[in-house]
């Protein structure tokens, strides 16, 4: 995936999100937060590995 394609996807997503209600956006963000909390025990060690690899580079 190129930077250009990511930008195009972000622009398309922004157009869609502009049409979504605040309540729907808030619900989506809450669902994301809930999922991150549930998966934290897997996410945090993976983040530590990424940080260690970045510091070693």
PDB file of N, CA and C in Angstrom:
ATOM      1  N   UNK A   1       0.849  -1.173   0.000  1.00  0.00           N
ATOM      2  CA  UNK A   1       0.000   0.000   0.000  1.00  0.00           C
ATOM      3  C   UNK A   1       0.898   1.241   0.000  1.00  0.00           C
ATOM      4  N   UNK A   2       0.620   2.132  -0.890  1.00  0.00           N
ATOM      5  CA  UNK A   2       1.426   3.347  -0.999  1.00  0.00           C
ATOM      6  C   UNK A   2       0.812   4.465  -0.159  1.00  0.00           C
ATOM      7  N   UNK A   3       1.604   5.495   0.077  1.00  0.00           N
ATOM      8  CA  UNK A   3       1.112   6.679   0.781  1.00  0.00           C
ATOM      9  C   UNK A   3      -0.059   7.288   0.013  1.00  0.00           C
ATOM     10  N   UNK A   4       0.065   7.321  -1.303  1.00  0.00           N
ATOM     11  CA  UNK A   4      -1.002   7.888  -2.130  1.00  0.00           C
ATOM     12  C   UNK A   4      -2.306   7.110  -1.962  1.00  0.00           C
ATOM     13  N   UNK A   5      -2.224   5.788  -1.991  1.00  0.00           N
ATOM     14  CA  UNK A   5      -3.447   4.991  -1.846  1.00  0.00           C
ATOM     15  C   UNK A   5      -4.033   5.131  -0.441  1.00  0.00           C
ATOM     16  N   UNK A   6      -3.179   5.242   0.573  1.00  0.00           N
ATOM     17  CA  UNK A   6      -3.684   5.457   1.930  1.00  0.00           C
ATOM     18  C   UNK A   6      -4.399   6.800   2.020  1.00  0.00           C
ATOM     19  N   UNK A   7      -3.845   7.810   1.374  1.00  0.00           N
ATOM     20  CA  UNK A   7      -4.492   9.118   1.357  1.00  0.00           C
ATOM     21  C   UNK A   7      -5.843   9.071   0.674  1.00  0.00           C
ATOM     22  N   UNK A   8      -5.913   8.339  -0.432  1.00  0.00           N
ATOM     23  CA  UNK A   8      -7.186   8.204  -1.149  1.00  0.00           C
ATOM     24  C   UNK A   8      -8.222   7.482  -0.291  1.00  0.00           C
ATOM     25  N   UNK A   9      -7.783   6.451   0.404  1.00  0.00           N
ATOM     26  CA  UNK A   9      -8.701   5.722   1.281  1.00  0.00           C
ATOM     27  C   UNK A   9      -9.170   6.595   2.439  1.00  0.00           C
ATOM     28  N   UNK A  10      -8.263   7.386   2.986  1.00  0.00           N
ATOM     29  CA  UNK A  10      -8.630   8.283   4.086  1.00  0.00           C
ATOM     30  C   UNK A  10      -9.643   9.320   3.621  1.00  0.00           C
ATOM     31  N   UNK A  11      -9.437   9.845   2.435  1.00  0.00           N
ATOM     32  CA  UNK A  11     -10.365  10.840   1.887  1.00  0.00           C
ATOM     33  C   UNK A  11     -11.749  10.224   1.675  1.00  0.00           C
ATOM     34  N   UNK A  12     -11.789   9.014   1.148  1.00  0.00           N
ATOM     35  CA  UNK A  12     -13.065   8.326   0.943  1.00  0.00           C
ATOM     36  C   UNK A  12     -13.752   8.057   2.283  1.00  0.00           C
ATOM     37  N   UNK A  13     -12.981   7.645   3.269  1.00  0.00           N
ATOM     38  CA  UNK A  13     -13.548   7.390   4.594  1.00  0.00           C
ATOM     39  C   UNK A  13     -14.090   8.673   5.207  1.00  0.00           C
ATOM     40  N   UNK A  14     -13.385   9.782   5.012  1.00  0.00           N
ATOM     41  CA  UNK A  14     -13.844  11.065   5.548  1.00  0.00           C
ATOM     42  C   UNK A  14     -15.189  11.457   4.948  1.00  0.00           C
ATOM     43  N   UNK A  15     -15.360  11.201   3.662  1.00  0.00           N
ATOM     44  CA  UNK A  15     -16.647  11.513   3.013  1.00  0.00           C
ATOM     45  C   UNK A  15     -17.779  10.692   3.626  1.00  0.00           C
ATOM     46  N   UNK A  16     -17.503   9.438   3.886  1.00  0.00           N
ATOM     47  CA  UNK A  16     -18.518   8.562   4.483  1.00  0.00           C
ATOM     48  C   UNK A  16     -18.826   9.009   5.912  1.00  0.00           C
ATOM     49  N   UNK A  17     -17.779   9.266   6.689  1.00  0.00           N
ATOM     50  CA  UNK A  17     -17.977   9.660   8.084  1.00  0.00           C
ATOM     51  C   UNK A  17     -18.712  10.985   8.217  1.00  0.00           C
ATOM     52  N   UNK A  18     -18.563  11.857   7.237  1.00  0.00           N
ATOM     53  CA  UNK A  18     -19.257  13.145   7.274  1.00  0.00           C
ATOM     54  C   UNK A  18     -20.769  12.958   7.232  1.00  0.00           C
ATOM     55  N   UNK A  19     -21.219  11.817   6.747  1.00  0.00           N
ATOM     56  CA  UNK A  19     -22.652  11.557   6.617  1.00  0.00           C
ATOM     57  C   UNK A  19     -23.214  10.721   7.773  1.00  0.00           C
ATOM     58  N   UNK A  20     -22.350  10.296   8.663  1.00  0.00           N
ATOM     59  CA  UNK A  20     -22.768   9.448   9.778  1.00  0.00           C
ATOM     60  C   UNK A  20     -23.104  10.336  10.977  1.00  0.00           C
ATOM     61  N   UNK A  21     -24.127   9.964  11.711  1.00  0.00           N
ATOM     62  CA  UNK A  21     -24.535  10.766  12.869  1.00  0.00           C
ATOM     63  C   UNK A  21     -23.492  10.700  13.983  1.00  0.00           C
ATOM     64  N   UNK A  22     -23.537  11.710  14.834  1.00  0.00           N
ATOM     65  CA  UNK A  22     -22.638  11.750  15.987  1.00  0.00           C
ATOM     66  C   UNK A  22     -22.842  10.524  16.864  1.00  0.00           C
ATOM     67  N   UNK A  23     -24.083  10.124  17.042  1.00  0.00           N
ATOM     68  CA  UNK A  23     -24.377   8.958  17.879  1.00  0.00           C
ATOM     69  C   UNK A  23     -23.739   7.692  17.306  1.00  0.00           C
ATOM     70  N   UNK A  24     -23.804   7.537  15.990  1.00  0.00           N
ATOM     71  CA  UNK A  24     -23.198   6.359  15.355  1.00  0.00           C
ATOM     72  C   UNK A  24     -21.677   6.392  15.479  1.00  0.00           C
ATOM     73  N   UNK A  25     -21.091   7.573  15.314  1.00  0.00           N
ATOM     74  CA  UNK A  25     -19.633   7.700  15.468  1.00  0.00           C
ATOM     75  C   UNK A  25     -19.228   7.380  16.898  1.00  0.00           C
ATOM     76  N   UNK A  26     -19.979   7.915  17.862  1.00  0.00           N
ATOM     77  CA  UNK A  26     -19.668   7.644  19.264  1.00  0.00           C
ATOM     78  C   UNK A  26     -19.792   6.161  19.584  1.00  0.00           C
ATOM     79  N   UNK A  27     -20.807   5.513  19.043  1.00  0.00           N
ATOM     80  CA  UNK A  27     -20.981   4.075  19.271  1.00  0.00           C
ATOM     81  C   UNK A  27     -19.821   3.288  18.673  1.00  0.00           C
ATOM     82  N   UNK A  28     -19.384   3.679  17.486  1.00  0.00           N
ATOM     83  CA  UNK A  28     -18.256   2.993  16.850  1.00  0.00           C
ATOM     84  C   UNK A  28     -16.986   3.169  17.674  1.00  0.00           C
ATOM     85  N   UNK A  29     -16.747   4.392  18.151  1.00  0.00           N
ATOM     86  CA  UNK A  29     -15.560   4.641  18.979  1.00  0.00           C
ATOM     87  C   UNK A  29     -15.624   3.851  20.281  1.00  0.00           C
ATOM     88  N   UNK A  30     -16.799   3.754  20.873  1.00  0.00           N
ATOM     89  CA  UNK A  30     -16.947   2.980  22.105  1.00  0.00           C
ATOM     90  C   UNK A  30     -16.681   1.502  21.846  1.00  0.00           C
ATOM     91  N   UNK A  31     -17.161   0.993  20.721  1.00  0.00           N
ATOM     92  CA  UNK A  31     -16.893  -0.405  20.367  1.00  0.00           C
ATOM     93  C   UNK A  31     -15.407  -0.654  20.192  1.00  0.00           C
ATOM     94  N   UNK A  32     -14.708   0.289  19.560  1.00  0.00           N
ATOM     95  CA  UNK A  32     -13.258   0.160  19.383  1.00  0.00           C
ATOM     96  C   UNK A  32     -12.570   0.160  20.738  1.00  0.00           C
ATOM     97  N   UNK A  33     -12.954   1.096  21.605  1.00  0.00           N
ATOM     98  CA  UNK A  33     -12.355   1.172  22.940  1.00  0.00           C
ATOM     99  C   UNK A  33     -12.601  -0.114  23.722  1.00  0.00           C
ATOM    100  N   UNK A  34     -13.816  -0.626  23.646  1.00  0.00           N
ATOM    101  CA  UNK A  34     -14.141  -1.876  24.350  1.00  0.00           C
ATOM    102  C   UNK A  34     -13.283  -3.028  23.845  1.00  0.00           C
ATOM    103  N   UNK A  35     -13.131  -3.124  22.535  1.00  0.00           N
ATOM    104  CA  UNK A  35     -12.338  -4.217  21.952  1.00  0.00           C
ATOM    105  C   UNK A  35     -10.866  -4.098  22.337  1.00  0.00           C
ATOM    106  N   UNK A  36     -10.344  -2.863  22.333  1.00  0.00           N
ATOM    107  CA  UNK A  36      -8.958  -2.660  22.754  1.00  0.00           C
ATOM    108  C   UNK A  36      -8.769  -3.097  24.204  1.00  0.00           C
ATOM    109  N   UNK A  37      -9.728  -2.779  25.051  1.00  0.00           N
ATOM    110  CA  UNK A  37      -9.641  -3.168  26.461  1.00  0.00           C
ATOM    111  C   UNK A  37      -9.637  -4.693  26.598  1.00  0.00           C
ATOM    112  N   UNK A  38     -10.518  -5.347  25.878  1.00  0.00           N
ATOM    113  CA  UNK A  38     -10.609  -6.810  25.941  1.00  0.00           C
ATOM    114  C   UNK A  38      -9.312  -7.454  25.449  1.00  0.00           C
ATOM    115  N   UNK A  39      -8.718  -6.887  24.420  1.00  0.00           N
ATOM    116  CA  UNK A  39      -7.526  -7.475  23.800  1.00  0.00           C
ATOM    117  C   UNK A  39      -6.212  -6.941  24.373  1.00  0.00           C
ATOM    118  N   UNK A  40      -6.278  -6.135  25.433  1.00  0.00           N
ATOM    119  CA  UNK A  40      -5.081  -5.465  25.953  1.00  0.00           C
ATOM    120  C   UNK A  40      -3.964  -6.429  26.346  1.00  0.00           C
ATOM    121  N   UNK A  41      -4.325  -7.607  26.856  1.00  0.00           N
ATOM    122  CA  UNK A  41      -3.294  -8.549  27.284  1.00  0.00           C
ATOM    123  C   UNK A  41      -2.489  -9.090  26.110  1.00  0.00           C
ATOM    124  N   UNK A  42      -3.038  -9.056  24.921  1.00  0.00           N
ATOM    125  CA  UNK A  42      -2.293  -9.448  23.721  1.00  0.00           C
ATOM    126  C   UNK A  42      -1.621  -8.239  23.086  1.00  0.00           C
ATOM    127  N   UNK A  43      -2.282  -7.090  23.160  1.00  0.00           N
ATOM    128  CA  UNK A  43      -1.778  -5.884  22.499  1.00  0.00           C
ATOM    129  C   UNK A  43      -0.537  -5.333  23.196  1.00  0.00           C
ATOM    130  N   UNK A  44      -0.571  -5.246  24.521  1.00  0.00           N
ATOM    131  CA  UNK A  44       0.536  -4.614  25.240  1.00  0.00           C
ATOM    132  C   UNK A  44       1.876  -5.325  25.038  1.00  0.00           C
ATOM    133  N   UNK A  45       1.948  -6.654  25.144  1.00  0.00           N
ATOM    134  CA  UNK A  45       3.233  -7.311  24.875  1.00  0.00           C
ATOM    135  C   UNK A  45       3.702  -7.114  23.432  1.00  0.00           C
ATOM    136  N   UNK A  46       2.772  -7.126  22.497  1.00  0.00           N
ATOM    137  CA  UNK A  46       3.149  -6.901  21.097  1.00  0.00           C
ATOM    138  C   UNK A  46       3.692  -5.492  20.913  1.00  0.00           C
ATOM    139  N   UNK A  47       3.084  -4.517  21.584  1.00  0.00           N
ATOM    140  CA  UNK A  47       3.594  -3.146  21.511  1.00  0.00           C
ATOM    141  C   UNK A  47       4.996  -3.059  22.101  1.00  0.00           C
ATOM    142  N   UNK A  48       5.231  -3.762  23.199  1.00  0.00           N
ATOM    143  CA  UNK A  48       6.563  -3.763  23.810  1.00  0.00           C
ATOM    144  C   UNK A  48       7.603  -4.338  22.850  1.00  0.00           C
ATOM    145  N   UNK A  49       7.229  -5.401  22.152  1.00  0.00           N
ATOM    146  CA  UNK A  49       8.139  -5.986  21.164  1.00  0.00           C
ATOM    147  C   UNK A  49       8.441  -4.992  20.050  1.00  0.00           C
ATOM    148  N   UNK A  50       7.419  -4.289  19.585  1.00  0.00           N
ATOM    149  CA  UNK A  50       7.617  -3.285  18.532  1.00  0.00           C
ATOM    150  C   UNK A  50       8.534  -2.166  19.009  1.00  0.00           C
ATOM    151  N   UNK A  51       8.330  -1.708  20.239  1.00  0.00           N
ATOM    152  CA  UNK A  51       9.185  -0.649  20.785  1.00  0.00           C
ATOM    153  C   UNK A  51      10.631  -1.116  20.907  1.00  0.00           C
ATOM    154  N   UNK A  52      10.822  -2.332  21.388  1.00  0.00           N
ATOM    155  CA  UNK A  52      12.176  -2.869  21.525  1.00  0.00           C
ATOM    156  C   UNK A  52      12.851  -2.981  20.164  1.00  0.00           C
ATOM    157  N   UNK A  53      12.120  -3.429  19.166  1.00  0.00           N
ATOM    158  CA  UNK A  53      12.683  -3.548  17.818  1.00  0.00           C
ATOM    159  C   UNK A  53      13.033  -2.179  17.253  1.00  0.00           C
ATOM    160  N   UNK A  54      12.182  -1.193  17.494  1.00  0.00           N
ATOM    161  CA  UNK A  54      12.450   0.161  16.993  1.00  0.00           C
ATOM    162  C   UNK A  54      13.670   0.761  17.678  1.00  0.00           C
ATOM    163  N   UNK A  55      13.814   0.518  18.965  1.00  0.00           N
ATOM    164  CA  UNK A  55      14.960   1.058  19.697  1.00  0.00           C
ATOM    165  C   UNK A  55      16.254   0.372  19.280  1.00  0.00           C
ATOM    166  N   UNK A  56      16.171  -0.896  18.912  1.00  0.00           N
ATOM    167  CA  UNK A  56      17.359  -1.637  18.491  1.00  0.00           C
ATOM    168  C   UNK A  56      17.802  -1.250  17.084  1.00  0.00           C
ATOM    169  N   UNK A  57      16.903  -0.708  16.305  1.00  0.00           N
ATOM    170  CA  UNK A  57      17.214  -0.361  14.905  1.00  0.00           C
ATOM    171  C   UNK A  57      18.072   0.884  14.801  1.00  0.00           C
TER     172      UNK A  57
END
